[in-house]
């Protein structure tokens, strides 16, 4: 078995394990998990910036820039999703625009 096949097998198995783990989480825990994932993505973004800043290879620079962009999109998207989920649990203020004066 070649190195590529080993890495592909590990990747496919990790996808299956990830799907099984996430599908078993109750809906009340999704918001705290998203917040934790956002913290991890922030660390990943910082690491990608630090590693890319130290590289001297053009290929490594391009791969690092792609990693920075993807990590930033993932981080911002996670905060947007968390914000939308938290808005579902807030009470909306009643609108008073349709009240008429008594006659």
PDB file of N, CA and C in Angstrom:
ATOM      1  N   UNK A   1       0.849  -1.175   0.000  1.00  0.00           N
ATOM      2  CA  UNK A   1       0.000   0.000   0.000  1.00  0.00           C
ATOM      3  C   UNK A   1       0.896   1.241   0.000  1.00  0.00           C
ATOM      4  N   UNK A   2       0.627   2.163  -0.899  1.00  0.00           N
ATOM      5  CA  UNK A   2       1.462   3.358  -1.000  1.00  0.00           C
ATOM      6  C   UNK A   2       1.077   4.379   0.069  1.00  0.00           C
ATOM      7  N   UNK A   3       1.942   5.366   0.242  1.00  0.00           N
ATOM      8  CA  UNK A   3       1.675   6.421   1.224  1.00  0.00           C
ATOM      9  C   UNK A   3       0.387   7.170   0.907  1.00  0.00           C
ATOM     10  N   UNK A   4       0.146   7.425  -0.373  1.00  0.00           N
ATOM     11  CA  UNK A   4      -1.068   8.136  -0.772  1.00  0.00           C
ATOM     12  C   UNK A   4      -2.324   7.376  -0.408  1.00  0.00           C
ATOM     13  N   UNK A   5      -2.286   6.064  -0.588  1.00  0.00           N
ATOM     14  CA  UNK A   5      -3.454   5.244  -0.238  1.00  0.00           C
ATOM     15  C   UNK A   5      -3.697   5.234   1.272  1.00  0.00           C
ATOM     16  N   UNK A   6      -2.623   5.235   2.043  1.00  0.00           N
ATOM     17  CA  UNK A   6      -2.756   5.261   3.503  1.00  0.00           C
ATOM     18  C   UNK A   6      -3.409   6.571   3.935  1.00  0.00           C
ATOM     19  N   UNK A   7      -2.921   7.689   3.389  1.00  0.00           N
ATOM     20  CA  UNK A   7      -3.490   8.994   3.750  1.00  0.00           C
ATOM     21  C   UNK A   7      -4.935   9.113   3.284  1.00  0.00           C
ATOM     22  N   UNK A   8      -5.257   8.602   2.119  1.00  0.00           N
ATOM     23  CA  UNK A   8      -6.629   8.635   1.624  1.00  0.00           C
ATOM     24  C   UNK A   8      -7.549   7.788   2.507  1.00  0.00           C
ATOM     25  N   UNK A   9      -7.076   6.632   2.934  1.00  0.00           N
ATOM     26  CA  UNK A   9      -7.855   5.770   3.825  1.00  0.00           C
ATOM     27  C   UNK A   9      -8.108   6.458   5.157  1.00  0.00           C
ATOM     28  N   UNK A  10      -7.095   7.097   5.716  1.00  0.00           N
ATOM     29  CA  UNK A  10      -7.248   7.826   6.982  1.00  0.00           C
ATOM     30  C   UNK A  10      -8.244   8.970   6.820  1.00  0.00           C
ATOM     31  N   UNK A  11      -8.157   9.682   5.701  1.00  0.00           N
ATOM     32  CA  UNK A  11      -9.074  10.791   5.447  1.00  0.00           C
ATOM     33  C   UNK A  11     -10.522  10.309   5.354  1.00  0.00           C
ATOM     34  N   UNK A  12     -10.753   9.253   4.593  1.00  0.00           N
ATOM     35  CA  UNK A  12     -12.115   8.735   4.421  1.00  0.00           C
ATOM     36  C   UNK A  12     -12.671   8.235   5.753  1.00  0.00           C
ATOM     37  N   UNK A  13     -11.864   7.520   6.515  1.00  0.00           N
ATOM     38  CA  UNK A  13     -12.323   7.046   7.821  1.00  0.00           C
ATOM     39  C   UNK A  13     -12.611   8.196   8.778  1.00  0.00           C
ATOM     40  N   UNK A  14     -11.801   9.249   8.733  1.00  0.00           N
ATOM     41  CA  UNK A  14     -12.047  10.394   9.615  1.00  0.00           C
ATOM     42  C   UNK A  14     -13.320  11.133   9.226  1.00  0.00           C
ATOM     43  N   UNK A  15     -13.644  11.167   7.931  1.00  0.00           N
ATOM     44  CA  UNK A  15     -14.904  11.776   7.507  1.00  0.00           C
ATOM     45  C   UNK A  15     -16.080  10.993   8.077  1.00  0.00           C
ATOM     46  N   UNK A  16     -16.032   9.668   7.979  1.00  0.00           N
ATOM     47  CA  UNK A  16     -17.112   8.849   8.522  1.00  0.00           C
ATOM     48  C   UNK A  16     -17.242   9.021  10.032  1.00  0.00           C
ATOM     49  N   UNK A  17     -16.140   9.032  10.740  1.00  0.00           N
ATOM     50  CA  UNK A  17     -16.179   9.210  12.198  1.00  0.00           C
ATOM     51  C   UNK A  17     -16.725  10.590  12.539  1.00  0.00           C
ATOM     52  N   UNK A  18     -16.304  11.634  11.815  1.00  0.00           N
ATOM     53  CA  UNK A  18     -16.802  12.990  12.060  1.00  0.00           C
ATOM     54  C   UNK A  18     -18.291  13.110  11.851  1.00  0.00           C
ATOM     55  N   UNK A  19     -18.799  12.511  10.792  1.00  0.00           N
ATOM     56  CA  UNK A  19     -20.243  12.554  10.530  1.00  0.00           C
ATOM     57  C   UNK A  19     -21.002  11.833  11.634  1.00  0.00           C
ATOM     58  N   UNK A  20     -20.516  10.698  12.068  1.00  0.00           N
ATOM     59  CA  UNK A  20     -21.196   9.951  13.128  1.00  0.00           C
ATOM     60  C   UNK A  20     -21.183  10.718  14.451  1.00  0.00           C
ATOM     61  N   UNK A  21     -20.069  11.343  14.777  1.00  0.00           N
ATOM     62  CA  UNK A  21     -19.971  12.073  16.040  1.00  0.00           C
ATOM     63  C   UNK A  21     -20.898  13.287  16.030  1.00  0.00           C
ATOM     64  N   UNK A  22     -20.888  14.064  14.953  1.00  0.00           N
ATOM     65  CA  UNK A  22     -21.709  15.266  14.874  1.00  0.00           C
ATOM     66  C   UNK A  22     -23.194  14.922  14.822  1.00  0.00           C
ATOM     67  N   UNK A  23     -23.550  13.847  14.150  1.00  0.00           N
ATOM     68  CA  UNK A  23     -24.974  13.503  14.045  1.00  0.00           C
ATOM     69  C   UNK A  23     -25.558  13.048  15.374  1.00  0.00           C
ATOM     70  N   UNK A  24     -24.736  12.637  16.306  1.00  0.00           N
ATOM     71  CA  UNK A  24     -25.216  12.174  17.611  1.00  0.00           C
ATOM     72  C   UNK A  24     -25.345  13.306  18.636  1.00  0.00           C
ATOM     73  N   UNK A  25     -24.933  14.527  18.289  1.00  0.00           N
ATOM     74  CA  UNK A  25     -24.977  15.652  19.225  1.00  0.00           C
ATOM     75  C   UNK A  25     -26.390  16.218  19.254  1.00  0.00           C
ATOM     76  N   UNK A  26     -26.904  16.459  20.455  1.00  0.00           N
ATOM     77  CA  UNK A  26     -28.253  17.031  20.559  1.00  0.00           C
ATOM     78  C   UNK A  26     -28.239  18.482  20.103  1.00  0.00           C
ATOM     79  N   UNK A  27     -29.404  18.973  19.697  1.00  0.00           N
ATOM     80  CA  UNK A  27     -29.477  20.317  19.126  1.00  0.00           C
ATOM     81  C   UNK A  27     -29.149  21.399  20.148  1.00  0.00           C
ATOM     82  N   UNK A  28     -29.318  21.136  21.433  1.00  0.00           N
ATOM     83  CA  UNK A  28     -29.014  22.151  22.453  1.00  0.00           C
ATOM     84  C   UNK A  28     -27.508  22.363  22.624  1.00  0.00           C
ATOM     85  N   UNK A  29     -26.711  21.443  22.141  1.00  0.00           N
ATOM     86  CA  UNK A  29     -25.254  21.575  22.291  1.00  0.00           C
ATOM     87  C   UNK A  29     -24.574  22.150  21.051  1.00  0.00           C
ATOM     88  N   UNK A  30     -25.306  22.383  19.975  1.00  0.00           N
ATOM     89  CA  UNK A  30     -24.657  22.850  18.753  1.00  0.00           C
ATOM     90  C   UNK A  30     -24.033  24.231  18.909  1.00  0.00           C
ATOM     91  N   UNK A  31     -24.697  25.163  19.616  1.00  0.00           N
ATOM     92  CA  UNK A  31     -24.139  26.502  19.771  1.00  0.00           C
ATOM     93  C   UNK A  31     -22.833  26.488  20.562  1.00  0.00           C
ATOM     94  N   UNK A  32     -22.743  25.798  21.710  1.00  0.00           N
ATOM     95  CA  UNK A  32     -21.444  25.738  22.400  1.00  0.00           C
ATOM     96  C   UNK A  32     -20.363  25.052  21.567  1.00  0.00           C
ATOM     97  N   UNK A  33     -20.742  24.032  20.796  1.00  0.00           N
ATOM     98  CA  UNK A  33     -19.755  23.373  19.951  1.00  0.00           C
ATOM     99  C   UNK A  33     -19.256  24.300  18.850  1.00  0.00           C
ATOM    100  N   UNK A  34     -20.149  25.112  18.288  1.00  0.00           N
ATOM    101  CA  UNK A  34     -19.734  26.066  17.256  1.00  0.00           C
ATOM    102  C   UNK A  34     -18.771  27.090  17.843  1.00  0.00           C
ATOM    103  N   UNK A  35     -19.022  27.532  19.067  1.00  0.00           N
ATOM    104  CA  UNK A  35     -18.124  28.495  19.700  1.00  0.00           C
ATOM    105  C   UNK A  35     -16.749  27.885  19.921  1.00  0.00           C
ATOM    106  N   UNK A  36     -16.709  26.647  20.346  1.00  0.00           N
ATOM    107  CA  UNK A  36     -15.422  25.969  20.509  1.00  0.00           C
ATOM    108  C   UNK A  36     -14.712  25.766  19.189  1.00  0.00           C
ATOM    109  N   UNK A  37     -15.472  25.424  18.154  1.00  0.00           N
ATOM    110  CA  UNK A  37     -14.876  25.244  16.830  1.00  0.00           C
ATOM    111  C   UNK A  37     -14.331  26.565  16.306  1.00  0.00           C
ATOM    112  N   UNK A  38     -15.009  27.679  16.598  1.00  0.00           N
ATOM    113  CA  UNK A  38     -14.511  28.983  16.165  1.00  0.00           C
ATOM    114  C   UNK A  38     -13.179  29.306  16.829  1.00  0.00           C
ATOM    115  N   UNK A  39     -13.030  28.946  18.091  1.00  0.00           N
ATOM    116  CA  UNK A  39     -11.755  29.174  18.772  1.00  0.00           C
ATOM    117  C   UNK A  39     -10.646  28.350  18.129  1.00  0.00           C
ATOM    118  N   UNK A  40     -10.956  27.115  17.783  1.00  0.00           N
ATOM    119  CA  UNK A  40      -9.964  26.262  17.126  1.00  0.00           C
ATOM    120  C   UNK A  40      -9.601  26.818  15.751  1.00  0.00           C
ATOM    121  N   UNK A  41     -10.601  27.315  15.011  1.00  0.00           N
ATOM    122  CA  UNK A  41     -10.318  27.877  13.693  1.00  0.00           C
ATOM    123  C   UNK A  41      -9.493  29.153  13.789  1.00  0.00           C
ATOM    124  N   UNK A  42      -9.664  29.905  14.858  1.00  0.00           N
ATOM    125  CA  UNK A  42      -8.821  31.077  15.078  1.00  0.00           C
ATOM    126  C   UNK A  42      -7.365  30.688  15.293  1.00  0.00           C
ATOM    127  N   UNK A  43      -7.140  29.616  16.020  1.00  0.00           N
ATOM    128  CA  UNK A  43      -5.780  29.122  16.237  1.00  0.00           C
ATOM    129  C   UNK A  43      -5.192  28.609  14.927  1.00  0.00           C
ATOM    130  N   UNK A  44      -6.005  27.928  14.131  1.00  0.00           N
ATOM    131  CA  UNK A  44      -5.543  27.437  12.833  1.00  0.00           C
ATOM    132  C   UNK A  44      -5.161  28.599  11.927  1.00  0.00           C
ATOM    133  N   UNK A  45      -5.971  29.660  11.937  1.00  0.00           N
ATOM    134  CA  UNK A  45      -5.676  30.835  11.118  1.00  0.00           C
ATOM    135  C   UNK A  45      -4.368  31.480  11.557  1.00  0.00           C
ATOM    136  N   UNK A  46      -4.174  31.617  12.847  1.00  0.00           N
ATOM    137  CA  UNK A  46      -2.922  32.186  13.354  1.00  0.00           C
ATOM    138  C   UNK A  46      -1.722  31.327  12.964  1.00  0.00           C
ATOM    139  N   UNK A  47      -1.857  30.011  13.081  1.00  0.00           N
ATOM    140  CA  UNK A  47      -0.768  29.113  12.685  1.00  0.00           C
ATOM    141  C   UNK A  47      -0.464  29.201  11.203  1.00  0.00           C
ATOM    142  N   UNK A  48      -1.509  29.302  10.367  1.00  0.00           N
ATOM    143  CA  UNK A  48      -1.294  29.422   8.921  1.00  0.00           C
ATOM    144  C   UNK A  48      -0.571  30.712   8.584  1.00  0.00           C
ATOM    145  N   UNK A  49      -0.904  31.796   9.271  1.00  0.00           N
ATOM    146  CA  UNK A  49      -0.228  33.076   9.027  1.00  0.00           C
ATOM    147  C   UNK A  49       1.239  32.980   9.442  1.00  0.00           C
ATOM    148  N   UNK A  50       1.498  32.385  10.602  1.00  0.00           N
ATOM    149  CA  UNK A  50       2.880  32.284  11.080  1.00  0.00           C
ATOM    150  C   UNK A  50       3.735  31.400  10.178  1.00  0.00           C
ATOM    151  N   UNK A  51       3.195  30.264   9.772  1.00  0.00           N
ATOM    152  CA  UNK A  51       3.961  29.347   8.926  1.00  0.00           C
ATOM    153  C   UNK A  51       4.188  29.950   7.543  1.00  0.00           C
ATOM    154  N   UNK A  52       3.164  30.582   6.981  1.00  0.00           N
ATOM    155  CA  UNK A  52       3.297  31.179   5.657  1.00  0.00           C
ATOM    156  C   UNK A  52       4.289  32.338   5.678  1.00  0.00           C
ATOM    157  N   UNK A  53       4.334  33.070   6.775  1.00  0.00           N
ATOM    158  CA  UNK A  53       5.283  34.179   6.887  1.00  0.00           C
ATOM    159  C   UNK A  53       6.730  33.738   6.940  1.00  0.00           C
ATOM    160  N   UNK A  54       6.994  32.493   7.325  1.00  0.00           N
ATOM    161  CA  UNK A  54       8.361  31.998   7.452  1.00  0.00           C
ATOM    162  C   UNK A  54       8.855  31.241   6.222  1.00  0.00           C
ATOM    163  N   UNK A  55       7.990  31.006   5.252  1.00  0.00           N
ATOM    164  CA  UNK A  55       8.368  30.180   4.111  1.00  0.00           C
ATOM    165  C   UNK A  55       9.172  30.960   3.083  1.00  0.00           C
ATOM    166  N   UNK A  56       9.989  30.230   2.349  1.00  0.00           N
ATOM    167  CA  UNK A  56      10.766  30.841   1.270  1.00  0.00           C
ATOM    168  C   UNK A  56      10.454  30.211  -0.070  1.00  0.00           C
ATOM    169  N   UNK A  57       9.656  29.172  -0.082  1.00  0.00           N
ATOM    170  CA  UNK A  57       9.271  28.486  -1.311  1.00  0.00           C
ATOM    171  C   UNK A  57       7.998  29.115  -1.872  1.00  0.00           C
ATOM    172  N   UNK A  58       7.953  29.271  -3.182  1.00  0.00           N
ATOM    173  CA  UNK A  58       6.763  29.841  -3.822  1.00  0.00           C
ATOM    174  C   UNK A  58       5.568  28.920  -3.676  1.00  0.00           C
ATOM    175  N   UNK A  59       5.770  27.626  -3.836  1.00  0.00           N
ATOM    176  CA  UNK A  59       4.680  26.668  -3.702  1.00  0.00           C
ATOM    177  C   UNK A  59       4.119  26.686  -2.279  1.00  0.00           C
ATOM    178  N   UNK A  60       5.005  26.712  -1.298  1.00  0.00           N
ATOM    179  CA  UNK A  60       4.553  26.754   0.089  1.00  0.00           C
ATOM    180  C   UNK A  60       3.824  28.061   0.387  1.00  0.00           C
ATOM    181  N   UNK A  61       4.242  29.143  -0.233  1.00  0.00           N
ATOM    182  CA  UNK A  61       3.577  30.429  -0.052  1.00  0.00           C
ATOM    183  C   UNK A  61       2.152  30.385  -0.613  1.00  0.00           C
ATOM    184  N   UNK A  62       1.993  29.804  -1.795  1.00  0.00           N
ATOM    185  CA  UNK A  62       0.671  29.704  -2.408  1.00  0.00           C
ATOM    186  C   UNK A  62      -0.240  28.809  -1.574  1.00  0.00           C
ATOM    187  N   UNK A  63       0.272  27.672  -1.150  1.00  0.00           N
ATOM    188  CA  UNK A  63      -0.524  26.761  -0.311  1.00  0.00           C
ATOM    189  C   UNK A  63      -0.878  27.440   1.013  1.00  0.00           C
ATOM    190  N   UNK A  64       0.049  28.179   1.582  1.00  0.00           N
ATOM    191  CA  UNK A  64      -0.215  28.897   2.823  1.00  0.00           C
ATOM    192  C   UNK A  64      -1.273  29.971   2.658  1.00  0.00           C
ATOM    193  N   UNK A  65      -1.227  30.691   1.548  1.00  0.00           N
ATOM    194  CA  UNK A  65      -2.237  31.721   1.302  1.00  0.00           C
ATOM    195  C   UNK A  65      -3.625  31.111   1.112  1.00  0.00           C
ATOM    196  N   UNK A  66      -3.678  29.975   0.427  1.00  0.00           N
ATOM    197  CA  UNK A  66      -4.959  29.277   0.283  1.00  0.00           C
ATOM    198  C   UNK A  66      -5.461  28.826   1.653  1.00  0.00           C
ATOM    199  N   UNK A  67      -4.561  28.325   2.495  1.00  0.00           N
ATOM    200  CA  UNK A  67      -4.946  27.904   3.843  1.00  0.00           C
ATOM    201  C   UNK A  67      -5.441  29.083   4.671  1.00  0.00           C
ATOM    202  N   UNK A  68      -4.813  30.240   4.524  1.00  0.00           N
ATOM    203  CA  UNK A  68      -5.238  31.428   5.260  1.00  0.00           C
ATOM    204  C   UNK A  68      -6.634  31.853   4.825  1.00  0.00           C
ATOM    205  N   UNK A  69      -6.869  31.865   3.522  1.00  0.00           N
ATOM    206  CA  UNK A  69      -8.185  32.272   3.019  1.00  0.00           C
ATOM    207  C   UNK A  69      -9.267  31.303   3.493  1.00  0.00           C
ATOM    208  N   UNK A  70      -9.009  30.006   3.371  1.00  0.00           N
ATOM    209  CA  UNK A  70     -10.007  29.023   3.791  1.00  0.00           C
ATOM    210  C   UNK A  70     -10.264  29.073   5.293  1.00  0.00           C
ATOM    211  N   UNK A  71      -9.215  29.254   6.084  1.00  0.00           N
ATOM    212  CA  UNK A  71      -9.392  29.342   7.538  1.00  0.00           C
ATOM    213  C   UNK A  71     -10.168  30.596   7.914  1.00  0.00           C
ATOM    214  N   UNK A  72      -9.914  31.704   7.223  1.00  0.00           N
ATOM    215  CA  UNK A  72     -10.639  32.939   7.510  1.00  0.00           C
ATOM    216  C   UNK A  72     -12.117  32.807   7.150  1.00  0.00           C
ATOM    217  N   UNK A  73     -12.400  32.202   6.008  1.00  0.00           N
ATOM    218  CA  UNK A  73     -13.795  31.994   5.605  1.00  0.00           C
ATOM    219  C   UNK A  73     -14.498  31.086   6.605  1.00  0.00           C
ATOM    220  N   UNK A  74     -13.832  30.045   7.039  1.00  0.00           N
ATOM    221  CA  UNK A  74     -14.402  29.115   8.010  1.00  0.00           C
ATOM    222  C   UNK A  74     -14.660  29.804   9.345  1.00  0.00           C
ATOM    223  N   UNK A  75     -13.744  30.639   9.768  1.00  0.00           N
ATOM    224  CA  UNK A  75     -13.878  31.346  11.034  1.00  0.00           C
ATOM    225  C   UNK A  75     -15.052  32.327  10.989  1.00  0.00           C
ATOM    226  N   UNK A  76     -15.116  33.143   9.951  1.00  0.00           N
ATOM    227  CA  UNK A  76     -16.192  34.129   9.824  1.00  0.00           C
ATOM    228  C   UNK A  76     -17.537  33.419   9.661  1.00  0.00           C
ATOM    229  N   UNK A  77     -17.582  32.385   8.852  1.00  0.00           N
ATOM    230  CA  UNK A  77     -18.820  31.629   8.672  1.00  0.00           C
ATOM    231  C   UNK A  77     -19.302  31.004   9.965  1.00  0.00           C
ATOM    232  N   UNK A  78     -18.394  30.524  10.777  1.00  0.00           N
ATOM    233  CA  UNK A  78     -18.771  29.955  12.072  1.00  0.00           C
ATOM    234  C   UNK A  78     -19.404  30.984  12.990  1.00  0.00           C
ATOM    235  N   UNK A  79     -18.843  32.203  13.000  1.00  0.00           N
ATOM    236  CA  UNK A  79     -19.431  33.255  13.817  1.00  0.00           C
ATOM    237  C   UNK A  79     -20.798  33.678  13.297  1.00  0.00           C
ATOM    238  N   UNK A  80     -20.974  33.706  11.989  1.00  0.00           N
ATOM    239  CA  UNK A  80     -22.272  34.059  11.409  1.00  0.00           C
ATOM    240  C   UNK A  80     -23.323  33.016  11.781  1.00  0.00           C
ATOM    241  N   UNK A  81     -22.965  31.756  11.660  1.00  0.00           N
ATOM    242  CA  UNK A  81     -23.905  30.683  12.004  1.00  0.00           C
ATOM    243  C   UNK A  81     -24.234  30.725  13.497  1.00  0.00           C
ATOM    244  N   UNK A  82     -23.243  30.935  14.342  1.00  0.00           N
ATOM    245  CA  UNK A  82     -23.483  31.015  15.785  1.00  0.00           C
ATOM    246  C   UNK A  82     -24.402  32.181  16.113  1.00  0.00           C
ATOM    247  N   UNK A  83     -24.175  33.334  15.472  1.00  0.00           N
ATOM    248  CA  UNK A  83     -25.020  34.497  15.704  1.00  0.00           C
ATOM    249  C   UNK A  83     -26.462  34.223  15.292  1.00  0.00           C
ATOM    250  N   UNK A  84     -26.656  33.589  14.154  1.00  0.00           N
ATOM    251  CA  UNK A  84     -28.014  33.261  13.708  1.00  0.00           C
ATOM    252  C   UNK A  84     -28.687  32.277  14.652  1.00  0.00           C
ATOM    253  N   UNK A  85     -27.927  31.311  15.159  1.00  0.00           N
ATOM    254  CA  UNK A  85     -28.504  30.338  16.083  1.00  0.00           C
ATOM    255  C   UNK A  85     -28.905  31.020  17.394  1.00  0.00           C
ATOM    256  N   UNK A  86     -28.088  31.947  17.868  1.00  0.00           N
ATOM    257  CA  UNK A  86     -28.416  32.646  19.109  1.00  0.00           C
ATOM    258  C   UNK A  86     -29.601  33.582  18.925  1.00  0.00           C
ATOM    259  N   UNK A  87     -29.784  34.135  17.733  1.00  0.00           N
ATOM    260  CA  UNK A  87     -30.936  35.006  17.477  1.00  0.00           C
ATOM    261  C   UNK A  87     -32.249  34.230  17.533  1.00  0.00           C
ATOM    262  N   UNK A  88     -32.196  32.938  17.301  1.00  0.00           N
ATOM    263  CA  UNK A  88     -33.415  32.137  17.385  1.00  0.00           C
ATOM    264  C   UNK A  88     -33.950  32.068  18.817  1.00  0.00           C
ATOM    265  N   UNK A  89     -33.091  32.289  19.801  1.00  0.00           N
ATOM    266  CA  UNK A  89     -33.490  32.164  21.193  1.00  0.00           C
ATOM    267  C   UNK A  89     -33.765  33.501  21.863  1.00  0.00           C
ATOM    268  N   UNK A  90     -33.682  34.611  21.142  1.00  0.00           N
ATOM    269  CA  UNK A  90     -33.960  35.915  21.732  1.00  0.00           C
ATOM    270  C   UNK A  90     -35.403  36.303  21.434  1.00  0.00           C
ATOM    271  N   UNK A  91     -35.991  37.040  22.358  1.00  0.00           N
ATOM    272  CA  UNK A  91     -37.367  37.500  22.157  1.00  0.00           C
ATOM    273  C   UNK A  91     -37.345  38.743  21.291  1.00  0.00           C
ATOM    274  N   UNK A  92     -38.287  38.792  20.393  1.00  0.00           N
ATOM    275  CA  UNK A  92     -38.399  39.957  19.519  1.00  0.00           C
ATOM    276  C   UNK A  92     -39.257  41.000  20.204  1.00  0.00           C
ATOM    277  N   UNK A  93     -38.901  42.273  20.009  1.00  0.00           N
ATOM    278  CA  UNK A  93     -39.676  43.369  20.579  1.00  0.00           C
ATOM    279  C   UNK A  93     -40.958  43.539  19.772  1.00  0.00           C
ATOM    280  N   UNK A  94     -42.069  43.740  20.449  1.00  0.00           N
ATOM    281  CA  UNK A  94     -43.321  43.924  19.695  1.00  0.00           C
ATOM    282  C   UNK A  94     -43.282  45.235  18.916  1.00  0.00           C
ATOM    283  N   UNK A  95     -43.801  45.189  17.718  1.00  0.00           N
ATOM    284  CA  UNK A  95     -43.839  46.398  16.895  1.00  0.00           C
ATOM    285  C   UNK A  95     -45.110  47.160  17.223  1.00  0.00           C
ATOM    286  N   UNK A  96     -45.000  48.468  17.385  1.00  0.00           N
ATOM    287  CA  UNK A  96     -46.149  49.290  17.762  1.00  0.00           C
ATOM    288  C   UNK A  96     -46.637  50.168  16.627  1.00  0.00           C
ATOM    289  N   UNK A  97     -46.327  49.817  15.393  1.00  0.00           N
ATOM    290  CA  UNK A  97     -46.669  50.667  14.261  1.00  0.00           C
ATOM    291  C   UNK A  97     -48.125  50.632  13.851  1.00  0.00           C
ATOM    292  N   UNK A  98     -48.900  49.629  14.226  1.00  0.00           N
ATOM    293  CA  UNK A  98     -50.270  49.497  13.730  1.00  0.00           C
ATOM    294  C   UNK A  98     -51.317  49.933  14.746  1.00  0.00           C
ATOM    295  N   UNK A  99     -50.906  50.512  15.850  1.00  0.00           N
ATOM    296  CA  UNK A  99     -51.871  50.955  16.855  1.00  0.00           C
ATOM    297  C   UNK A  99     -52.525  52.267  16.417  1.00  0.00           C
ATOM    298  N   UNK A 100     -53.868  52.314  16.529  1.00  0.00           N
ATOM    299  CA  UNK A 100     -54.590  53.525  16.184  1.00  0.00           C
ATOM    300  C   UNK A 100     -55.044  54.210  17.460  1.00  0.00           C
ATOM    301  N   UNK A 101     -55.215  55.536  17.377  1.00  0.00           N
ATOM    302  CA  UNK A 101     -55.705  56.295  18.534  1.00  0.00           C
ATOM    303  C   UNK A 101     -57.190  56.005  18.726  1.00  0.00           C
ATOM    304  N   UNK A 102     -57.645  55.873  19.983  1.00  0.00           N
ATOM    305  CA  UNK A 102     -59.059  55.614  20.237  1.00  0.00           C
ATOM    306  C   UNK A 102     -59.907  56.803  19.801  1.00  0.00           C
ATOM    307  N   UNK A 103     -61.151  56.536  19.327  1.00  0.00           N
ATOM    308  CA  UNK A 103     -62.058  57.598  18.856  1.00  0.00           C
ATOM    309  C   UNK A 103     -63.078  57.935  19.878  1.00  0.00           C
TER     310      UNK A 103
END
